[in-house]
N, C-alpha and C. Protein backbone atom coordinates (compact mmCIF):
# COMPACT_ATOMS: atom_id res chain seq x y z
N MET A 1 154.56 274.48 213.99
CA MET A 1 155.67 274.74 213.09
C MET A 1 156.26 276.11 213.39
N ILE A 2 157.56 276.18 213.61
CA ILE A 2 158.23 277.45 213.87
C ILE A 2 158.78 277.97 212.56
N ARG A 3 158.47 279.20 212.23
CA ARG A 3 158.94 279.79 210.99
C ARG A 3 159.83 280.99 211.28
N THR A 4 160.91 281.08 210.54
CA THR A 4 161.80 282.22 210.63
C THR A 4 161.64 283.05 209.39
N VAL A 5 161.32 284.33 209.56
CA VAL A 5 161.09 285.20 208.41
C VAL A 5 162.34 286.02 208.14
N VAL A 6 162.84 285.93 206.92
CA VAL A 6 163.99 286.71 206.50
C VAL A 6 163.60 287.47 205.25
N LEU A 7 163.75 288.80 205.27
CA LEU A 7 163.39 289.62 204.13
C LEU A 7 164.65 290.01 203.38
N ALA A 8 164.75 289.58 202.12
CA ALA A 8 165.89 289.96 201.29
C ALA A 8 165.63 291.34 200.72
N SER A 9 166.64 292.22 200.75
CA SER A 9 166.44 293.61 200.35
C SER A 9 166.05 293.74 198.89
N ALA A 10 166.52 292.85 198.04
CA ALA A 10 166.24 293.00 196.61
C ALA A 10 164.92 292.35 196.23
N GLY A 11 164.73 291.08 196.59
CA GLY A 11 163.59 290.35 196.05
C GLY A 11 162.43 290.16 197.00
N LEU A 12 162.62 290.41 198.30
CA LEU A 12 161.58 290.18 199.29
C LEU A 12 161.09 288.73 199.26
N PHE A 13 161.79 287.87 200.01
CA PHE A 13 161.43 286.46 200.08
C PHE A 13 161.10 286.09 201.52
N LEU A 14 160.27 285.07 201.65
CA LEU A 14 159.94 284.53 202.97
C LEU A 14 160.69 283.22 203.12
N LEU A 15 161.49 283.09 204.18
CA LEU A 15 162.25 281.88 204.43
C LEU A 15 161.57 281.08 205.52
N CYS A 16 161.06 279.91 205.18
CA CYS A 16 160.36 279.06 206.14
C CYS A 16 161.28 277.92 206.53
N GLY A 17 161.69 277.88 207.80
CA GLY A 17 162.71 276.93 208.21
C GLY A 17 162.27 275.49 208.27
N SER A 18 160.99 275.18 208.32
CA SER A 18 160.55 273.80 208.50
C SER A 18 159.57 273.36 207.42
N VAL A 19 159.62 273.96 206.27
CA VAL A 19 158.62 273.65 205.26
C VAL A 19 159.06 272.50 204.37
N ALA A 20 160.32 272.49 203.93
CA ALA A 20 160.77 271.50 202.96
C ALA A 20 160.72 270.10 203.57
N GLN A 21 160.25 269.13 202.81
CA GLN A 21 160.15 267.75 203.26
C GLN A 21 161.52 267.08 203.19
N ALA A 22 161.97 266.49 204.32
CA ALA A 22 163.26 265.81 204.34
C ALA A 22 163.18 264.53 203.53
N ALA A 23 164.21 264.28 202.72
CA ALA A 23 164.23 263.10 201.86
C ALA A 23 164.95 261.95 202.54
N THR A 24 164.50 260.73 202.27
CA THR A 24 165.16 259.53 202.77
C THR A 24 166.17 259.04 201.74
N VAL A 25 167.40 258.84 202.19
CA VAL A 25 168.47 258.34 201.32
C VAL A 25 168.65 256.85 201.57
N SER A 26 168.68 256.06 200.52
CA SER A 26 168.94 254.62 200.62
C SER A 26 169.72 254.20 199.38
N ILE A 27 170.99 253.89 199.56
CA ILE A 27 171.87 253.53 198.45
C ILE A 27 172.43 252.14 198.69
N THR A 28 172.35 251.27 197.68
CA THR A 28 172.84 249.90 197.79
C THR A 28 173.98 249.66 196.82
N GLN A 29 175.05 249.07 197.33
CA GLN A 29 176.18 248.64 196.50
C GLN A 29 176.26 247.12 196.57
N THR A 30 176.51 246.47 195.42
CA THR A 30 176.61 245.01 195.36
C THR A 30 177.99 244.60 194.87
N VAL A 31 178.58 243.63 195.56
CA VAL A 31 179.90 243.11 195.18
C VAL A 31 179.78 241.61 195.00
N THR A 32 180.42 241.09 193.96
CA THR A 32 180.42 239.65 193.67
C THR A 32 181.79 239.06 193.97
N GLY A 33 181.81 237.99 194.77
CA GLY A 33 183.07 237.37 195.14
C GLY A 33 183.59 236.43 194.07
N THR A 34 184.84 236.01 194.25
CA THR A 34 185.47 235.04 193.34
C THR A 34 185.81 233.79 194.11
N ASN A 35 185.86 232.66 193.42
CA ASN A 35 186.05 231.36 194.04
C ASN A 35 187.38 231.26 194.78
N GLY A 36 187.37 230.57 195.92
CA GLY A 36 188.59 230.33 196.67
C GLY A 36 188.57 231.04 198.00
N PHE A 37 189.76 231.41 198.47
CA PHE A 37 189.84 232.10 199.75
C PHE A 37 189.10 233.43 199.65
N ALA A 38 188.43 233.78 200.73
CA ALA A 38 187.60 234.99 200.71
C ALA A 38 188.47 236.23 200.56
N ASN A 39 188.21 236.96 199.51
CA ASN A 39 188.88 238.24 199.33
C ASN A 39 188.10 239.32 200.08
N ASP A 40 188.82 240.25 200.65
CA ASP A 40 188.15 241.36 201.32
C ASP A 40 187.30 242.14 200.31
N LEU A 41 186.14 242.60 200.75
CA LEU A 41 185.21 243.31 199.87
C LEU A 41 185.18 244.79 200.22
N THR A 42 184.97 245.61 199.20
CA THR A 42 184.91 247.06 199.38
C THR A 42 183.65 247.61 198.73
N PHE A 43 182.93 248.44 199.48
CA PHE A 43 181.72 249.09 198.98
C PHE A 43 181.95 250.60 199.04
N ALA A 44 181.98 251.24 197.89
CA ALA A 44 182.26 252.68 197.82
C ALA A 44 180.97 253.45 197.57
N PHE A 45 180.68 254.39 198.46
CA PHE A 45 179.50 255.25 198.32
C PHE A 45 179.98 256.67 198.02
N ALA A 46 179.35 257.32 197.06
CA ALA A 46 179.74 258.68 196.68
C ALA A 46 178.49 259.52 196.43
N GLY A 47 178.69 260.83 196.36
CA GLY A 47 177.57 261.74 196.11
C GLY A 47 176.57 261.77 197.23
N LEU A 48 177.04 261.64 198.47
CA LEU A 48 176.14 261.54 199.62
C LEU A 48 175.81 262.93 200.18
N ALA A 49 174.53 263.15 200.41
CA ALA A 49 174.07 264.41 201.00
C ALA A 49 174.26 264.38 202.51
N PRO A 50 174.36 265.52 203.17
CA PRO A 50 174.45 265.56 204.64
C PRO A 50 173.20 264.95 205.27
N SER A 51 173.36 264.41 206.48
CA SER A 51 172.21 263.82 207.17
C SER A 51 171.56 264.85 208.09
N ASP A 52 170.43 264.44 208.68
CA ASP A 52 169.73 265.33 209.60
C ASP A 52 170.31 265.28 211.01
N GLY A 53 171.39 264.51 211.19
CA GLY A 53 172.06 264.45 212.48
C GLY A 53 171.54 263.39 213.42
N ILE A 54 170.46 262.71 213.05
CA ILE A 54 169.86 261.71 213.93
C ILE A 54 170.60 260.38 213.86
N GLY A 55 171.18 260.05 212.71
CA GLY A 55 171.86 258.78 212.51
C GLY A 55 171.26 258.01 211.35
N GLY A 56 171.77 256.81 211.14
CA GLY A 56 171.28 256.01 210.02
C GLY A 56 171.55 254.54 210.26
N VAL A 57 171.43 253.74 209.20
CA VAL A 57 171.60 252.29 209.30
C VAL A 57 172.45 251.81 208.13
N LEU A 58 173.41 250.95 208.44
CA LEU A 58 174.18 250.24 207.41
C LEU A 58 173.75 248.78 207.45
N THR A 59 173.28 248.26 206.32
CA THR A 59 172.82 246.88 206.24
C THR A 59 173.76 246.09 205.33
N ILE A 60 174.34 245.02 205.87
CA ILE A 60 175.17 244.10 205.10
C ILE A 60 174.39 242.80 204.95
N ALA A 61 174.20 242.36 203.71
CA ALA A 61 173.36 241.18 203.48
C ALA A 61 173.95 240.30 202.39
N THR A 62 173.77 239.00 202.56
CA THR A 62 174.17 238.06 201.51
C THR A 62 173.09 238.02 200.44
N GLY A 63 173.52 237.83 199.21
CA GLY A 63 172.59 237.71 198.10
C GLY A 63 172.66 236.32 197.51
N PRO A 64 172.01 236.11 196.39
CA PRO A 64 172.01 234.79 195.74
C PRO A 64 173.37 234.47 195.13
N ALA A 65 173.68 233.18 195.02
CA ALA A 65 174.87 232.74 194.30
C ALA A 65 174.55 232.79 192.81
N LEU A 66 175.33 233.54 192.06
CA LEU A 66 175.02 233.72 190.65
C LEU A 66 175.39 232.50 189.81
N ASP A 67 176.34 231.72 190.28
CA ASP A 67 176.82 230.56 189.51
C ASP A 67 176.40 229.27 190.20
N ALA A 68 175.43 228.54 189.64
CA ALA A 68 175.02 227.24 190.17
C ALA A 68 176.17 226.25 189.94
N PRO A 69 176.34 225.26 190.82
CA PRO A 69 175.48 224.92 191.97
C PRO A 69 175.95 225.53 193.28
N ASP A 70 176.65 226.66 193.24
CA ASP A 70 177.12 227.26 194.49
C ASP A 70 175.94 227.63 195.39
N PHE A 71 176.20 227.55 196.69
CA PHE A 71 175.18 227.91 197.67
C PHE A 71 175.29 229.40 197.99
N SER A 72 174.16 230.01 198.28
CA SER A 72 174.20 231.41 198.69
C SER A 72 174.74 231.51 200.11
N GLY A 73 175.26 232.68 200.44
CA GLY A 73 175.78 232.90 201.77
C GLY A 73 177.30 232.90 201.81
N LEU A 74 177.84 233.09 203.01
CA LEU A 74 179.28 233.16 203.21
C LEU A 74 179.72 232.14 204.24
N ASP A 75 180.94 231.64 204.07
CA ASP A 75 181.48 230.62 204.96
C ASP A 75 182.09 231.28 206.20
N VAL A 76 181.22 231.69 207.09
CA VAL A 76 181.66 232.28 208.36
C VAL A 76 180.94 231.57 209.51
N THR A 77 180.98 230.24 209.46
CA THR A 77 180.23 229.44 210.43
C THR A 77 181.10 228.66 211.39
N GLY A 78 182.38 228.51 211.10
CA GLY A 78 183.26 227.71 211.94
C GLY A 78 184.05 228.56 212.93
N PRO A 79 184.74 227.91 213.87
CA PRO A 79 185.57 228.65 214.84
C PRO A 79 186.62 229.49 214.11
N GLY A 80 186.75 230.72 214.51
CA GLY A 80 187.75 231.60 213.91
C GLY A 80 187.37 232.17 212.57
N GLU A 81 186.15 231.86 212.09
CA GLU A 81 185.70 232.40 210.81
C GLU A 81 184.77 233.60 211.07
N PHE A 82 185.18 234.75 210.62
CA PHE A 82 184.39 235.95 210.85
C PHE A 82 184.82 237.04 209.88
N PHE A 83 184.11 238.15 209.91
CA PHE A 83 184.52 239.32 209.13
C PHE A 83 184.42 240.56 210.01
N THR A 84 185.24 241.53 209.69
CA THR A 84 185.24 242.81 210.40
C THR A 84 184.80 243.90 209.44
N LEU A 85 183.92 244.76 209.91
CA LEU A 85 183.43 245.87 209.09
C LEU A 85 184.10 247.17 209.51
N ARG A 86 184.54 247.93 208.50
CA ARG A 86 185.10 249.25 208.74
C ARG A 86 184.46 250.25 207.78
N ALA A 87 184.29 251.47 208.25
CA ALA A 87 183.79 252.56 207.40
C ALA A 87 184.76 253.72 207.52
N ASP A 88 185.42 254.04 206.42
CA ASP A 88 186.47 255.07 206.43
C ASP A 88 187.49 254.82 207.53
N GLY A 89 187.82 253.54 207.73
CA GLY A 89 188.81 253.17 208.74
C GLY A 89 188.26 253.00 210.14
N GLU A 90 187.02 253.40 210.37
CA GLU A 90 186.38 253.26 211.69
C GLU A 90 185.81 251.86 211.83
N VAL A 91 186.28 251.11 212.83
CA VAL A 91 185.82 249.73 213.03
C VAL A 91 184.39 249.73 213.56
N LEU A 92 183.52 249.00 212.87
CA LEU A 92 182.11 248.91 213.26
C LEU A 92 181.80 247.62 214.01
N GLY A 93 182.77 246.69 214.05
CA GLY A 93 182.56 245.43 214.75
C GLY A 93 182.95 244.23 213.92
N SER A 94 183.05 243.07 214.59
CA SER A 94 183.36 241.80 213.92
C SER A 94 182.19 240.85 214.13
N TYR A 95 181.88 240.04 213.09
CA TYR A 95 180.65 239.25 213.11
C TYR A 95 180.87 237.87 212.52
N THR A 96 180.07 236.90 213.00
CA THR A 96 180.19 235.52 212.57
C THR A 96 178.85 234.81 212.72
N CYS A 97 178.74 233.64 212.10
CA CYS A 97 177.58 232.76 212.31
C CYS A 97 177.98 231.53 213.11
N ALA A 98 179.19 231.52 213.66
CA ALA A 98 179.67 230.36 214.42
C ALA A 98 178.75 230.07 215.59
N ALA A 99 178.53 228.77 215.84
CA ALA A 99 177.57 228.35 216.86
C ALA A 99 177.98 228.78 218.26
N ASP A 100 179.29 228.90 218.52
CA ASP A 100 179.73 229.22 219.88
C ASP A 100 179.76 230.72 220.15
N ALA A 101 179.38 231.53 219.18
CA ALA A 101 179.40 232.98 219.36
C ALA A 101 178.04 233.47 219.84
N THR A 102 178.04 234.60 220.53
CA THR A 102 176.79 235.24 220.96
C THR A 102 176.86 236.72 220.57
N GLU A 103 175.81 237.45 220.90
CA GLU A 103 175.82 238.88 220.59
C GLU A 103 176.71 239.66 221.56
N GLU A 104 177.23 238.97 222.59
CA GLU A 104 178.12 239.63 223.55
C GLU A 104 179.58 239.27 223.32
N THR A 105 179.87 238.27 222.50
CA THR A 105 181.25 237.86 222.28
C THR A 105 181.88 238.70 221.19
N ASN A 106 183.18 238.53 221.02
CA ASN A 106 183.90 239.17 219.92
C ASN A 106 184.66 238.09 219.16
N PRO A 107 184.28 237.78 217.92
CA PRO A 107 183.22 238.43 217.15
C PRO A 107 181.81 238.09 217.65
N GLN A 108 180.87 238.98 217.33
CA GLN A 108 179.48 238.77 217.72
C GLN A 108 178.79 237.83 216.74
N ARG A 109 177.83 237.08 217.26
CA ARG A 109 177.00 236.24 216.39
C ARG A 109 175.99 237.13 215.67
N ILE A 110 175.83 236.91 214.37
CA ILE A 110 174.90 237.70 213.56
C ILE A 110 173.46 237.32 213.91
N PRO A 111 172.65 238.25 214.38
CA PRO A 111 171.25 237.92 214.69
C PRO A 111 170.52 237.43 213.44
N GLY A 112 169.85 236.29 213.57
CA GLY A 112 169.06 235.77 212.46
C GLY A 112 169.86 235.08 211.38
N GLY A 113 171.17 234.95 211.55
CA GLY A 113 171.98 234.25 210.55
C GLY A 113 171.58 232.79 210.45
N ALA A 114 171.43 232.29 209.22
CA ALA A 114 170.96 230.91 209.00
C ALA A 114 172.00 230.13 208.21
N VAL A 115 172.39 228.97 208.72
CA VAL A 115 173.35 228.11 208.04
C VAL A 115 172.60 227.18 207.10
N ASN A 116 173.04 227.13 205.84
CA ASN A 116 172.39 226.26 204.86
C ASN A 116 172.49 224.80 205.27
N ALA A 117 171.41 224.07 205.11
CA ALA A 117 171.36 222.67 205.54
C ALA A 117 172.35 221.80 204.78
N ASP A 118 172.60 222.09 203.50
CA ASP A 118 173.47 221.26 202.68
C ASP A 118 174.87 221.83 202.53
N ASP A 119 175.20 222.83 203.32
CA ASP A 119 176.49 223.49 203.14
C ASP A 119 176.86 224.18 204.44
N THR A 120 178.03 224.78 204.47
CA THR A 120 178.46 225.48 205.67
C THR A 120 178.36 226.99 205.53
N ASP A 121 177.70 227.44 204.48
CA ASP A 121 177.55 228.88 204.27
C ASP A 121 176.41 229.44 205.12
N CYS A 122 176.52 230.71 205.45
CA CYS A 122 175.52 231.38 206.28
C CYS A 122 174.90 232.52 205.49
N THR A 123 173.58 232.58 205.49
CA THR A 123 172.87 233.71 204.88
C THR A 123 172.39 234.62 206.00
N PHE A 124 172.44 235.92 205.75
CA PHE A 124 172.09 236.86 206.81
C PHE A 124 171.80 238.23 206.23
N SER A 125 171.17 239.05 207.07
CA SER A 125 170.99 240.48 206.81
C SER A 125 171.29 241.19 208.12
N LEU A 126 172.42 241.86 208.17
CA LEU A 126 172.92 242.46 209.40
C LEU A 126 172.70 243.97 209.37
N ASN A 127 171.90 244.47 210.32
CA ASN A 127 171.62 245.91 210.40
C ASN A 127 172.45 246.54 211.51
N LEU A 128 173.25 247.53 211.14
CA LEU A 128 174.09 248.23 212.11
C LEU A 128 173.63 249.67 212.24
N ALA A 129 173.32 250.09 213.45
CA ALA A 129 172.92 251.48 213.68
C ALA A 129 174.16 252.36 213.67
N LEU A 130 174.09 253.45 212.92
CA LEU A 130 175.17 254.43 212.87
C LEU A 130 174.73 255.67 213.64
N PRO A 131 175.34 255.96 214.78
CA PRO A 131 174.96 257.16 215.55
C PRO A 131 175.15 258.43 214.72
N GLY A 132 174.40 259.47 215.09
CA GLY A 132 174.43 260.70 214.31
C GLY A 132 175.81 261.30 214.15
N GLY A 133 176.60 261.32 215.25
CA GLY A 133 177.94 261.90 215.17
C GLY A 133 178.84 261.14 214.22
N LEU A 134 178.80 259.80 214.30
CA LEU A 134 179.62 258.98 213.41
C LEU A 134 179.19 259.15 211.97
N LEU A 135 177.88 259.11 211.72
CA LEU A 135 177.38 259.25 210.35
C LEU A 135 177.77 260.60 209.76
N ASP A 136 177.65 261.66 210.54
CA ASP A 136 178.03 262.98 210.04
C ASP A 136 179.50 263.03 209.67
N THR A 137 180.34 262.35 210.46
CA THR A 137 181.77 262.29 210.15
C THR A 137 182.01 261.54 208.84
N LEU A 138 181.30 260.43 208.64
CA LEU A 138 181.46 259.64 207.42
C LEU A 138 180.99 260.41 206.19
N LEU A 139 179.98 261.27 206.37
CA LEU A 139 179.40 261.99 205.23
C LEU A 139 180.05 263.35 204.99
N ALA A 140 181.03 263.71 205.81
CA ALA A 140 181.59 265.06 205.75
C ALA A 140 182.11 265.43 204.37
N ASP A 141 182.70 264.47 203.66
CA ASP A 141 183.24 264.76 202.33
C ASP A 141 182.33 264.25 201.21
N GLY A 142 181.10 263.83 201.57
CA GLY A 142 180.15 263.38 200.56
C GLY A 142 180.40 261.97 200.06
N ALA A 143 181.29 261.23 200.72
CA ALA A 143 181.60 259.86 200.27
C ALA A 143 182.08 259.06 201.47
N THR A 144 181.91 257.74 201.39
CA THR A 144 182.43 256.86 202.42
C THR A 144 182.71 255.49 201.81
N VAL A 145 183.69 254.79 202.37
CA VAL A 145 184.07 253.47 201.89
C VAL A 145 183.88 252.47 203.02
N VAL A 146 183.07 251.44 202.77
CA VAL A 146 182.84 250.38 203.75
C VAL A 146 183.66 249.16 203.32
N GLU A 147 184.43 248.62 204.26
CA GLU A 147 185.26 247.45 203.99
C GLU A 147 184.75 246.26 204.79
N MET A 148 184.77 245.10 204.15
CA MET A 148 184.40 243.84 204.78
C MET A 148 185.65 242.96 204.76
N LEU A 149 186.31 242.84 205.91
CA LEU A 149 187.61 242.18 206.00
C LEU A 149 187.43 240.80 206.64
N PHE A 150 187.82 239.75 205.92
CA PHE A 150 187.62 238.39 206.40
C PHE A 150 188.84 237.88 207.16
N SER A 151 188.57 237.02 208.16
CA SER A 151 189.67 236.38 208.87
C SER A 151 190.40 235.42 207.93
N ASP A 152 191.64 235.09 208.28
CA ASP A 152 192.51 234.34 207.36
C ASP A 152 191.99 232.95 207.03
N ILE A 153 191.20 232.35 207.90
CA ILE A 153 190.80 230.96 207.66
C ILE A 153 189.45 230.84 206.95
N VAL A 154 188.86 231.95 206.56
CA VAL A 154 187.64 231.88 205.74
C VAL A 154 188.09 231.43 204.35
N ASP A 155 187.82 230.16 204.02
CA ASP A 155 188.45 229.57 202.83
C ASP A 155 187.46 229.04 201.80
N ASP A 156 186.20 229.37 201.94
CA ASP A 156 185.22 228.83 200.99
C ASP A 156 184.32 229.96 200.51
N PHE A 157 184.85 230.74 199.59
CA PHE A 157 184.11 231.86 199.02
C PHE A 157 183.63 231.41 197.65
N GLY A 158 182.34 231.08 197.53
CA GLY A 158 181.82 230.54 196.28
C GLY A 158 181.94 231.51 195.13
N ASP A 159 182.21 231.00 193.96
CA ASP A 159 182.30 231.84 192.77
C ASP A 159 180.91 232.38 192.46
N GLY A 160 180.77 233.69 192.49
CA GLY A 160 179.48 234.29 192.21
C GLY A 160 178.67 234.63 193.44
N ASP A 161 179.22 234.37 194.65
CA ASP A 161 178.52 234.80 195.86
C ASP A 161 178.40 236.32 195.87
N THR A 162 177.24 236.82 196.18
CA THR A 162 177.03 238.27 196.19
C THR A 162 176.78 238.77 197.61
N VAL A 163 177.25 239.98 197.86
CA VAL A 163 177.04 240.65 199.13
C VAL A 163 176.63 242.09 198.83
N THR A 164 175.64 242.58 199.56
CA THR A 164 175.19 243.96 199.36
C THR A 164 175.43 244.77 200.62
N ALA A 165 175.69 246.04 200.42
CA ALA A 165 175.78 247.00 201.53
C ALA A 165 174.82 248.14 201.21
N THR A 166 173.91 248.42 202.13
CA THR A 166 172.92 249.48 201.94
C THR A 166 173.08 250.52 203.03
N LEU A 167 173.25 251.77 202.63
CA LEU A 167 173.36 252.88 203.56
C LEU A 167 172.06 253.67 203.52
N SER A 168 171.41 253.80 204.67
CA SER A 168 170.11 254.48 204.75
C SER A 168 170.13 255.55 205.85
N TYR A 169 169.60 256.72 205.53
CA TYR A 169 169.50 257.79 206.51
C TYR A 169 168.57 258.86 205.97
N THR A 170 168.24 259.84 206.82
CA THR A 170 167.40 260.95 206.40
C THR A 170 168.27 262.16 206.08
N GLU A 171 168.05 262.70 204.92
CA GLU A 171 168.84 263.84 204.46
C GLU A 171 168.45 265.11 205.22
N ALA A 172 169.42 265.95 205.47
CA ALA A 172 169.14 267.24 206.11
C ALA A 172 168.25 268.06 205.20
N SER A 173 167.18 268.63 205.78
CA SER A 173 166.24 269.41 204.98
C SER A 173 166.70 270.85 204.88
N ALA A 174 166.66 271.40 203.68
CA ALA A 174 167.03 272.79 203.46
C ALA A 174 165.80 273.67 203.61
N PRO A 175 165.95 274.86 204.19
CA PRO A 175 164.80 275.78 204.29
C PRO A 175 164.25 276.11 202.91
N GLU A 176 162.94 276.22 202.84
CA GLU A 176 162.30 276.53 201.56
C GLU A 176 162.03 278.03 201.47
N ILE A 177 162.48 278.64 200.38
CA ILE A 177 162.30 280.07 200.17
C ILE A 177 161.07 280.31 199.30
N ILE A 178 160.13 281.08 199.82
CA ILE A 178 158.87 281.33 199.11
C ILE A 178 158.75 282.82 198.82
N PRO A 179 158.58 283.23 197.56
CA PRO A 179 158.40 284.66 197.26
C PRO A 179 157.15 285.20 197.92
N LEU A 180 157.23 286.40 198.47
CA LEU A 180 156.06 287.02 199.08
C LEU A 180 155.06 287.44 198.01
N PRO A 181 153.77 287.39 198.31
CA PRO A 181 152.77 287.88 197.35
C PRO A 181 152.98 289.36 197.07
N ALA A 182 152.46 289.82 195.93
CA ALA A 182 152.65 291.21 195.51
C ALA A 182 152.09 292.19 196.53
N THR A 183 150.92 291.85 197.12
CA THR A 183 150.31 292.77 198.09
C THR A 183 151.21 292.94 199.31
N ALA A 184 151.82 291.85 199.75
CA ALA A 184 152.71 291.93 200.89
C ALA A 184 153.94 292.75 200.55
N SER A 185 154.43 292.58 199.33
CA SER A 185 155.59 293.36 198.89
C SER A 185 155.26 294.84 198.89
N MET A 186 154.06 295.19 198.39
CA MET A 186 153.66 296.59 198.37
C MET A 186 153.53 297.15 199.78
N LEU A 187 152.98 296.33 200.69
CA LEU A 187 152.83 296.77 202.07
C LEU A 187 154.18 297.04 202.70
N LEU A 188 155.11 296.12 202.50
CA LEU A 188 156.44 296.30 203.08
C LEU A 188 157.13 297.51 202.47
N GLY A 189 156.92 297.70 201.16
CA GLY A 189 157.51 298.87 200.51
C GLY A 189 156.94 300.15 201.08
N GLY A 190 155.61 300.17 201.34
CA GLY A 190 154.98 301.35 201.92
C GLY A 190 155.49 301.63 203.32
N LEU A 191 155.67 300.58 204.12
CA LEU A 191 156.20 300.76 205.47
C LEU A 191 157.61 301.32 205.42
N GLY A 192 158.40 300.83 204.46
CA GLY A 192 159.75 301.35 204.32
C GLY A 192 159.75 302.82 203.94
N LEU A 193 158.84 303.22 203.05
CA LEU A 193 158.74 304.62 202.64
C LEU A 193 158.33 305.50 203.81
N MET A 194 157.37 305.02 204.60
CA MET A 194 156.93 305.80 205.76
C MET A 194 158.08 305.99 206.75
N GLY A 195 158.87 304.95 206.94
CA GLY A 195 160.00 305.07 207.84
C GLY A 195 161.01 306.08 207.35
N ALA A 196 161.24 306.08 206.03
CA ALA A 196 162.19 307.04 205.46
C ALA A 196 161.69 308.47 205.63
N LEU A 197 160.37 308.69 205.44
CA LEU A 197 159.81 310.03 205.60
C LEU A 197 159.91 310.51 207.04
N ARG A 198 159.69 309.61 207.99
CA ARG A 198 159.79 309.99 209.40
C ARG A 198 161.22 310.38 209.75
N ARG A 199 162.19 309.62 209.23
CA ARG A 199 163.58 309.96 209.52
C ARG A 199 163.94 311.32 208.93
N ARG A 200 163.45 311.61 207.70
CA ARG A 200 163.75 312.89 207.06
C ARG A 200 163.09 314.04 207.83
N ASP A 201 161.85 313.81 208.30
CA ASP A 201 161.14 314.84 209.06
C ASP A 201 161.86 315.13 210.37
N ARG A 202 162.40 314.06 210.98
CA ARG A 202 163.11 314.22 212.24
C ARG A 202 164.38 315.05 212.05
N ARG A 203 165.08 314.80 210.95
CA ARG A 203 166.29 315.56 210.66
C ARG A 203 165.96 317.03 210.37
N ALA A 204 164.83 317.27 209.68
CA ALA A 204 164.44 318.65 209.33
C ALA A 204 164.16 319.46 210.59
N ARG A 205 163.58 318.84 211.62
CA ARG A 205 163.26 319.56 212.85
C ARG A 205 164.52 319.98 213.60
N HIS A 206 165.56 319.17 213.47
CA HIS A 206 166.80 319.51 214.16
C HIS A 206 167.64 320.43 213.31
């Protein structure tokens, strides 16, 4: 552990640059859709602390259908059915569960996306890595807005379908300031006094 010592003239504090434990941030926003053509969804995150610069993860996942007998998941399984994700206007990619899509096509096929046997909806949990530079840009003002924009032909958005967006990253750790013990304070004070006496003695000789 590398420690940087900073002595404050008034209070005498020890500043340890690597002592404080970095906190993990994980915030989830949930949006509920309405029946009919898929409306674009917005997830607003606020009060965000700066990151440690390493990066983070944005997870978009389908949740349960709140209104029976609707099926859980989203209707993004047919040709031309997909959604595009943006964060503060920055495009993160387009995704689908269509059978003819792959992870190399545009839109990309969602890894692990499962189509319901009795319906055309797809359930999934999509993890997107956010590089450190991009994440720091998104967090610069302490807030970010994630948009889920559906293609025009996504036409089966069940009433009560839920979608969650989770932003996860490690918060930048602040240095921990620890007051010096009284004995150390006295020692430093004594050293300071000795230095002052030496300077005065030097001036007296000249």
